Amino acid sequence: MPREIFDEEKFLELSEYAIHCRVKRLKDFVKLKLRTKKILYTYKTDPLSAERLLRNISCDIIEL
Protein backbone atom coordinates (compact mmCIF):
# COMPACT_ATOMS: atom_id res chain seq x y z
CA MET A 1 0.00 0.00 0.00
CA PRO A 2 1.52 3.37 -0.95
CA ARG A 3 1.97 6.10 1.61
CA GLU A 4 1.16 9.72 0.80
CA ILE A 5 3.57 12.43 1.93
CA PHE A 6 2.29 15.92 2.65
CA ASP A 7 5.60 17.62 3.48
CA GLU A 8 8.09 18.78 0.84
CA GLU A 9 11.07 18.41 3.22
CA LYS A 10 10.14 14.79 3.95
CA PHE A 11 9.94 14.11 0.20
CA LEU A 12 13.48 15.42 -0.28
CA GLU A 13 14.77 13.31 2.62
CA LEU A 14 13.19 10.14 1.24
CA SER A 15 14.51 10.82 -2.27
CA GLU A 16 18.04 10.11 -1.00
CA TYR A 17 17.02 6.48 -0.35
CA ALA A 18 14.80 6.05 -3.42
CA ILE A 19 15.58 3.75 -6.33
CA HIS A 20 13.71 5.98 -8.80
CA CYS A 21 11.08 8.72 -8.99
CA ARG A 22 8.12 8.46 -11.36
CA VAL A 23 6.44 11.66 -12.53
CA LYS A 24 2.80 11.68 -13.59
CA ARG A 25 1.58 15.02 -14.94
CA LEU A 26 -2.16 15.63 -14.72
CA LYS A 27 -4.24 18.72 -15.55
CA ASP A 28 -4.17 20.51 -12.19
CA PHE A 29 -1.31 18.87 -10.35
CA VAL A 30 1.73 16.61 -10.63
CA LYS A 31 2.01 13.31 -8.80
CA LEU A 32 5.53 12.27 -7.79
CA LYS A 33 6.11 8.67 -6.78
CA LEU A 34 9.26 7.64 -4.91
CA ARG A 35 10.09 3.94 -5.02
CA THR A 36 12.23 2.80 -2.08
CA LYS A 37 13.27 -0.73 -1.29
CA LYS A 38 10.09 -1.52 0.66
CA ILE A 39 7.56 1.30 0.26
CA LEU A 40 6.12 3.47 -2.50
CA TYR A 41 5.68 7.11 -1.42
CA THR A 42 3.46 9.55 -3.31
CA TYR A 43 3.44 13.34 -3.22
CA LYS A 44 0.98 15.65 -5.01
CA THR A 45 2.03 19.19 -5.86
CA ASP A 46 1.59 21.97 -8.39
CA PRO A 47 3.68 21.93 -11.61
CA LEU A 48 6.07 24.74 -10.57
CA SER A 49 6.97 23.12 -7.25
CA ALA A 50 7.38 19.77 -8.97
CA GLU A 51 9.99 21.15 -11.37
CA ARG A 52 11.93 22.66 -8.48
CA LEU A 53 11.81 19.38 -6.54
CA LEU A 54 12.92 17.32 -9.53
CA ARG A 55 16.02 19.51 -9.91
CA ASN A 56 16.98 18.79 -6.29
CA ILE A 57 16.64 15.01 -6.16
CA SER A 58 19.44 12.65 -7.10
CA CYS A 59 17.58 9.42 -7.99
CA ASP A 60 16.55 8.39 -11.51
CA ILE A 61 13.52 10.23 -12.91
CA ILE A 62 10.99 8.37 -15.06
CA GLU A 63 8.29 10.38 -16.89
CA LEU A 64 4.96 8.61 -17.34
PDB file of N, CA and C in Angstrom:
ATOM      1  N   MET A   1       0.836  -1.178   0.000  1.00  0.00           N
ATOM      2  CA  MET A   1       0.000   0.000   0.000  1.00  0.00           C
ATOM      3  C   MET A   1       0.885   1.246   0.000  1.00  0.00           C
ATOM      4  N   PRO A   2       0.695   2.155  -0.924  1.00  0.00           N
ATOM      5  CA  PRO A   2       1.518   3.366  -0.954  1.00  0.00           C
ATOM      6  C   PRO A   2       1.182   4.306   0.199  1.00  0.00           C
ATOM      7  N   ARG A   3       2.154   5.098   0.567  1.00  0.00           N
ATOM      8  CA  ARG A   3       1.968   6.102   1.613  1.00  0.00           C
ATOM      9  C   ARG A   3       2.072   7.479   0.990  1.00  0.00           C
ATOM     10  N   GLU A   4       1.144   8.353   1.334  1.00  0.00           N
ATOM     11  CA  GLU A   4       1.164   9.715   0.796  1.00  0.00           C
ATOM     12  C   GLU A   4       1.935  10.628   1.745  1.00  0.00           C
ATOM     13  N   ILE A   5       2.779  11.457   1.176  1.00  0.00           N
ATOM     14  CA  ILE A   5       3.566  12.427   1.925  1.00  0.00           C
ATOM     15  C   ILE A   5       2.934  13.794   1.704  1.00  0.00           C
ATOM     16  N   PHE A   6       2.871  14.594   2.754  1.00  0.00           N
ATOM     17  CA  PHE A   6       2.285  15.921   2.647  1.00  0.00           C
ATOM     18  C   PHE A   6       3.315  17.024   2.861  1.00  0.00           C
ATOM     19  N   ASP A   7       4.554  16.654   3.164  1.00  0.00           N
ATOM     20  CA  ASP A   7       5.602  17.624   3.476  1.00  0.00           C
ATOM     21  C   ASP A   7       6.709  17.554   2.430  1.00  0.00           C
ATOM     22  N   GLU A   8       7.068  18.702   1.876  1.00  0.00           N
ATOM     23  CA  GLU A   8       8.095  18.776   0.838  1.00  0.00           C
ATOM     24  C   GLU A   8       9.470  18.371   1.379  1.00  0.00           C
ATOM     25  N   GLU A   9       9.780  18.759   2.608  1.00  0.00           N
ATOM     26  CA  GLU A   9      11.074  18.412   3.220  1.00  0.00           C
ATOM     27  C   GLU A   9      11.203  16.895   3.379  1.00  0.00           C
ATOM     28  N   LYS A  10      10.131  16.247   3.789  1.00  0.00           N
ATOM     29  CA  LYS A  10      10.136  14.787   3.950  1.00  0.00           C
ATOM     30  C   LYS A  10      10.356  14.108   2.608  1.00  0.00           C
ATOM     31  N   PHE A  11       9.754  14.657   1.543  1.00  0.00           N
ATOM     32  CA  PHE A  11       9.936  14.110   0.202  1.00  0.00           C
ATOM     33  C   PHE A  11      11.412  14.166  -0.204  1.00  0.00           C
ATOM     34  N   LEU A  12      12.065  15.283   0.068  1.00  0.00           N
ATOM     35  CA  LEU A  12      13.476  15.416  -0.285  1.00  0.00           C
ATOM     36  C   LEU A  12      14.349  14.462   0.531  1.00  0.00           C
ATOM     37  N   GLU A  13      14.014  14.256   1.793  1.00  0.00           N
ATOM     38  CA  GLU A  13      14.772  13.312   2.621  1.00  0.00           C
ATOM     39  C   GLU A  13      14.639  11.890   2.079  1.00  0.00           C
ATOM     40  N   LEU A  14      13.423  11.496   1.739  1.00  0.00           N
ATOM     41  CA  LEU A  14      13.193  10.140   1.240  1.00  0.00           C
ATOM     42  C   LEU A  14      13.786   9.917  -0.146  1.00  0.00           C
ATOM     43  N   SER A  15      13.952  10.966  -0.917  1.00  0.00           N
ATOM     44  CA  SER A  15      14.507  10.816  -2.267  1.00  0.00           C
ATOM     45  C   SER A  15      15.964  10.352  -2.233  1.00  0.00           C
ATOM     46  N   GLU A  16      16.660  10.585  -1.124  1.00  0.00           N
ATOM     47  CA  GLU A  16      18.041  10.109  -1.003  1.00  0.00           C
ATOM     48  C   GLU A  16      18.111   8.588  -0.964  1.00  0.00           C
ATOM     49  N   TYR A  17      17.051   7.936  -0.470  1.00  0.00           N
ATOM     50  CA  TYR A  17      17.020   6.482  -0.351  1.00  0.00           C
ATOM     51  C   TYR A  17      16.233   5.811  -1.465  1.00  0.00           C
ATOM     52  N   ALA A  18      15.682   6.588  -2.373  1.00  0.00           N
ATOM     53  CA  ALA A  18      14.804   6.048  -3.416  1.00  0.00           C
ATOM     54  C   ALA A  18      15.602   5.409  -4.547  1.00  0.00           C
ATOM     55  N   ILE A  19      14.997   4.412  -5.155  1.00  0.00           N
ATOM     56  CA  ILE A  19      15.575   3.748  -6.330  1.00  0.00           C
ATOM     57  C   ILE A  19      15.304   4.600  -7.568  1.00  0.00           C
ATOM     58  N   HIS A  20      14.065   5.076  -7.696  1.00  0.00           N
ATOM     59  CA  HIS A  20      13.705   5.978  -8.797  1.00  0.00           C
ATOM     60  C   HIS A  20      12.492   6.810  -8.406  1.00  0.00           C
ATOM     61  N   CYS A  21      12.228   7.839  -9.201  1.00  0.00           N
ATOM     62  CA  CYS A  21      11.083   8.722  -8.992  1.00  0.00           C
ATOM     63  C   CYS A  21      10.283   8.750 -10.289  1.00  0.00           C
ATOM     64  N   ARG A  22       9.012   8.413 -10.192  1.00  0.00           N
ATOM     65  CA  ARG A  22       8.122   8.459 -11.360  1.00  0.00           C
ATOM     66  C   ARG A  22       7.304   9.743 -11.298  1.00  0.00           C
ATOM     67  N   VAL A  23       7.146  10.386 -12.449  1.00  0.00           N
ATOM     68  CA  VAL A  23       6.436  11.665 -12.530  1.00  0.00           C
ATOM     69  C   VAL A  23       5.212  11.474 -13.407  1.00  0.00           C
ATOM     70  N   LYS A  24       4.045  11.757 -12.840  1.00  0.00           N
ATOM     71  CA  LYS A  24       2.795  11.675 -13.594  1.00  0.00           C
ATOM     72  C   LYS A  24       2.166  13.060 -13.613  1.00  0.00           C
ATOM     73  N   ARG A  25       2.110  13.666 -14.791  1.00  0.00           N
ATOM     74  CA  ARG A  25       1.582  15.024 -14.939  1.00  0.00           C
ATOM     75  C   ARG A  25       0.102  14.954 -15.313  1.00  0.00           C
ATOM     76  N   LEU A  26      -0.725  15.560 -14.485  1.00  0.00           N
ATOM     77  CA  LEU A  26      -2.162  15.626 -14.724  1.00  0.00           C
ATOM     78  C   LEU A  26      -2.540  17.080 -15.003  1.00  0.00           C
ATOM     79  N   LYS A  27      -3.823  17.361 -15.191  1.00  0.00           N
ATOM     80  CA  LYS A  27      -4.244  18.723 -15.549  1.00  0.00           C
ATOM     81  C   LYS A  27      -3.899  19.750 -14.483  1.00  0.00           C
ATOM     82  N   ASP A  28      -4.308  19.501 -13.244  1.00  0.00           N
ATOM     83  CA  ASP A  28      -4.171  20.510 -12.192  1.00  0.00           C
ATOM     84  C   ASP A  28      -2.964  20.323 -11.291  1.00  0.00           C
ATOM     85  N   PHE A  29      -2.407  19.133 -11.269  1.00  0.00           N
ATOM     86  CA  PHE A  29      -1.307  18.866 -10.353  1.00  0.00           C
ATOM     87  C   PHE A  29      -0.363  17.826 -10.941  1.00  0.00           C
ATOM     88  N   VAL A  30       0.742  17.606 -10.236  1.00  0.00           N
ATOM     89  CA  VAL A  30       1.730  16.610 -10.627  1.00  0.00           C
ATOM     90  C   VAL A  30       1.854  15.618  -9.480  1.00  0.00           C
ATOM     91  N   LYS A  31       1.852  14.340  -9.815  1.00  0.00           N
ATOM     92  CA  LYS A  31       2.013  13.310  -8.799  1.00  0.00           C
ATOM     93  C   LYS A  31       3.429  12.739  -8.920  1.00  0.00           C
ATOM     94  N   LEU A  32       4.180  12.809  -7.836  1.00  0.00           N
ATOM     95  CA  LEU A  32       5.533  12.273  -7.787  1.00  0.00           C
ATOM     96  C   LEU A  32       5.514  11.010  -6.948  1.00  0.00           C
ATOM     97  N   LYS A  33       6.111   9.951  -7.465  1.00  0.00           N
ATOM     98  CA  LYS A  33       6.113   8.666  -6.777  1.00  0.00           C
ATOM     99  C   LYS A  33       7.557   8.231  -6.537  1.00  0.00           C
ATOM    100  N   LEU A  34       7.919   8.099  -5.278  1.00  0.00           N
ATOM    101  CA  LEU A  34       9.258   7.636  -4.909  1.00  0.00           C
ATOM    102  C   LEU A  34       9.206   6.154  -4.593  1.00  0.00           C
ATOM    103  N   ARG A  35      10.024   5.371  -5.257  1.00  0.00           N
ATOM    104  CA  ARG A  35      10.088   3.938  -5.019  1.00  0.00           C
ATOM    105  C   ARG A  35      11.323   3.655  -4.175  1.00  0.00           C
ATOM    106  N   THR A  36      11.118   3.237  -2.928  1.00  0.00           N
ATOM    107  CA  THR A  36      12.228   2.798  -2.083  1.00  0.00           C
ATOM    108  C   THR A  36      12.240   1.278  -2.085  1.00  0.00           C
ATOM    109  N   LYS A  37      13.130   0.719  -1.308  1.00  0.00           N
ATOM    110  CA  LYS A  37      13.273  -0.725  -1.294  1.00  0.00           C
ATOM    111  C   LYS A  37      11.994  -1.437  -0.853  1.00  0.00           C
ATOM    112  N   LYS A  38      11.275  -0.862   0.124  1.00  0.00           N
ATOM    113  CA  LYS A  38      10.088  -1.521   0.658  1.00  0.00           C
ATOM    114  C   LYS A  38       8.775  -0.803   0.376  1.00  0.00           C
ATOM    115  N   ILE A  39       8.798   0.526   0.293  1.00  0.00           N
ATOM    116  CA  ILE A  39       7.555   1.303   0.263  1.00  0.00           C
ATOM    117  C   ILE A  39       7.534   2.254  -0.925  1.00  0.00           C
ATOM    118  N   LEU A  40       6.338   2.466  -1.479  1.00  0.00           N
ATOM    119  CA  LEU A  40       6.119   3.475  -2.504  1.00  0.00           C
ATOM    120  C   LEU A  40       5.512   4.700  -1.834  1.00  0.00           C
ATOM    121  N   TYR A  41       6.172   5.854  -1.984  1.00  0.00           N
ATOM    122  CA  TYR A  41       5.678   7.110  -1.417  1.00  0.00           C
ATOM    123  C   TYR A  41       5.147   7.984  -2.544  1.00  0.00           C
ATOM    124  N   THR A  42       4.020   8.643  -2.317  1.00  0.00           N
ATOM    125  CA  THR A  42       3.461   9.552  -3.313  1.00  0.00           C
ATOM    126  C   THR A  42       3.379  10.955  -2.737  1.00  0.00           C
ATOM    127  N   TYR A  43       3.511  11.927  -3.618  1.00  0.00           N
ATOM    128  CA  TYR A  43       3.439  13.336  -3.221  1.00  0.00           C
ATOM    129  C   TYR A  43       2.769  14.108  -4.340  1.00  0.00           C
ATOM    130  N   LYS A  44       1.695  14.838  -4.026  1.00  0.00           N
ATOM    131  CA  LYS A  44       0.982  15.651  -5.012  1.00  0.00           C
ATOM    132  C   LYS A  44       1.368  17.110  -4.815  1.00  0.00           C
ATOM    133  N   THR A  45       1.636  17.793  -5.928  1.00  0.00           N
ATOM    134  CA  THR A  45       2.031  19.191  -5.862  1.00  0.00           C
ATOM    135  C   THR A  45       1.666  19.898  -7.161  1.00  0.00           C
ATOM    136  N   ASP A  46       1.852  21.210  -7.164  1.00  0.00           N
ATOM    137  CA  ASP A  46       1.588  21.975  -8.387  1.00  0.00           C
ATOM    138  C   ASP A  46       2.784  21.840  -9.340  1.00  0.00           C
ATOM    139  N   PRO A  47       2.615  22.130 -10.626  1.00  0.00           N
ATOM    140  CA  PRO A  47       3.685  21.929 -11.609  1.00  0.00           C
ATOM    141  C   PRO A  47       4.964  22.725 -11.332  1.00  0.00           C
ATOM    142  N   LEU A  48       4.863  23.946 -10.825  1.00  0.00           N
ATOM    143  CA  LEU A  48       6.070  24.738 -10.566  1.00  0.00           C
ATOM    144  C   LEU A  48       6.899  24.147  -9.433  1.00  0.00           C
ATOM    145  N   SER A  49       6.256  23.742  -8.369  1.00  0.00           N
ATOM    146  CA  SER A  49       6.970  23.121  -7.254  1.00  0.00           C
ATOM    147  C   SER A  49       7.572  21.783  -7.662  1.00  0.00           C
ATOM    148  N   ALA A  50       6.874  21.062  -8.521  1.00  0.00           N
ATOM    149  CA  ALA A  50       7.383  19.767  -8.972  1.00  0.00           C
ATOM    150  C   ALA A  50       8.689  19.924  -9.744  1.00  0.00           C
ATOM    151  N   GLU A  51       8.758  20.923 -10.611  1.00  0.00           N
ATOM    152  CA  GLU A  51       9.992  21.148 -11.369  1.00  0.00           C
ATOM    153  C   GLU A  51      11.158  21.481 -10.447  1.00  0.00           C
ATOM    154  N   ARG A  52      10.890  22.296  -9.439  1.00  0.00           N
ATOM    155  CA  ARG A  52      11.932  22.665  -8.479  1.00  0.00           C
ATOM    156  C   ARG A  52      12.401  21.437  -7.683  1.00  0.00           C
ATOM    157  N   LEU A  53      11.454  20.596  -7.283  1.00  0.00           N
ATOM    158  CA  LEU A  53      11.807  19.380  -6.541  1.00  0.00           C
ATOM    159  C   LEU A  53      12.611  18.411  -7.399  1.00  0.00           C
ATOM    160  N   LEU A  54      12.227  18.264  -8.654  1.00  0.00           N
ATOM    161  CA  LEU A  54      12.921  17.323  -9.533  1.00  0.00           C
ATOM    162  C   LEU A  54      14.358  17.745  -9.805  1.00  0.00           C
ATOM    163  N   ARG A  55      14.634  19.042  -9.747  1.00  0.00           N
ATOM    164  CA  ARG A  55      16.019  19.506  -9.913  1.00  0.00           C
ATOM    165  C   ARG A  55      16.876  19.163  -8.698  1.00  0.00           C
ATOM    166  N   ASN A  56      16.237  19.005  -7.529  1.00  0.00           N
ATOM    167  CA  ASN A  56      16.983  18.795  -6.289  1.00  0.00           C
ATOM    168  C   ASN A  56      17.163  17.338  -5.893  1.00  0.00           C
ATOM    169  N   ILE A  57      16.490  16.414  -6.555  1.00  0.00           N
ATOM    170  CA  ILE A  57      16.642  15.009  -6.155  1.00  0.00           C
ATOM    171  C   ILE A  57      17.714  14.334  -6.994  1.00  0.00           C
ATOM    172  N   SER A  58      18.312  13.286  -6.436  1.00  0.00           N
ATOM    173  CA  SER A  58      19.435  12.650  -7.099  1.00  0.00           C
ATOM    174  C   SER A  58      19.100  11.285  -7.713  1.00  0.00           C
ATOM    175  N   CYS A  59      17.923  10.734  -7.434  1.00  0.00           N
ATOM    176  CA  CYS A  59      17.580   9.418  -7.991  1.00  0.00           C
ATOM    177  C   CYS A  59      17.136   9.552  -9.444  1.00  0.00           C
ATOM    178  N   ASP A  60      17.001   8.410 -10.122  1.00  0.00           N
ATOM    179  CA  ASP A  60      16.555   8.393 -11.513  1.00  0.00           C
ATOM    180  C   ASP A  60      15.130   8.904 -11.630  1.00  0.00           C
ATOM    181  N   ILE A  61      14.850   9.664 -12.691  1.00  0.00           N
ATOM    182  CA  ILE A  61      13.522  10.231 -12.911  1.00  0.00           C
ATOM    183  C   ILE A  61      12.915   9.564 -14.140  1.00  0.00           C
ATOM    184  N   ILE A  62      11.703   9.039 -13.970  1.00  0.00           N
ATOM    185  CA  ILE A  62      10.990   8.367 -15.057  1.00  0.00           C
ATOM    186  C   ILE A  62       9.695   9.130 -15.303  1.00  0.00           C
ATOM    187  N   GLU A  63       9.522   9.657 -16.513  1.00  0.00           N
ATOM    188  CA  GLU A  63       8.293  10.377 -16.886  1.00  0.00           C
ATOM    189  C   GLU A  63       7.263   9.389 -17.379  1.00  0.00           C
ATOM    190  N   LEU A  64       6.049   9.488 -16.890  1.00  0.00           N
ATOM    191  CA  LEU A  64       4.963   8.605 -17.342  1.00  0.00           C
ATOM    192  C   LEU A  64       4.081   9.300 -18.343  1.00  0.00           C
TER     193      LEU A  64
END
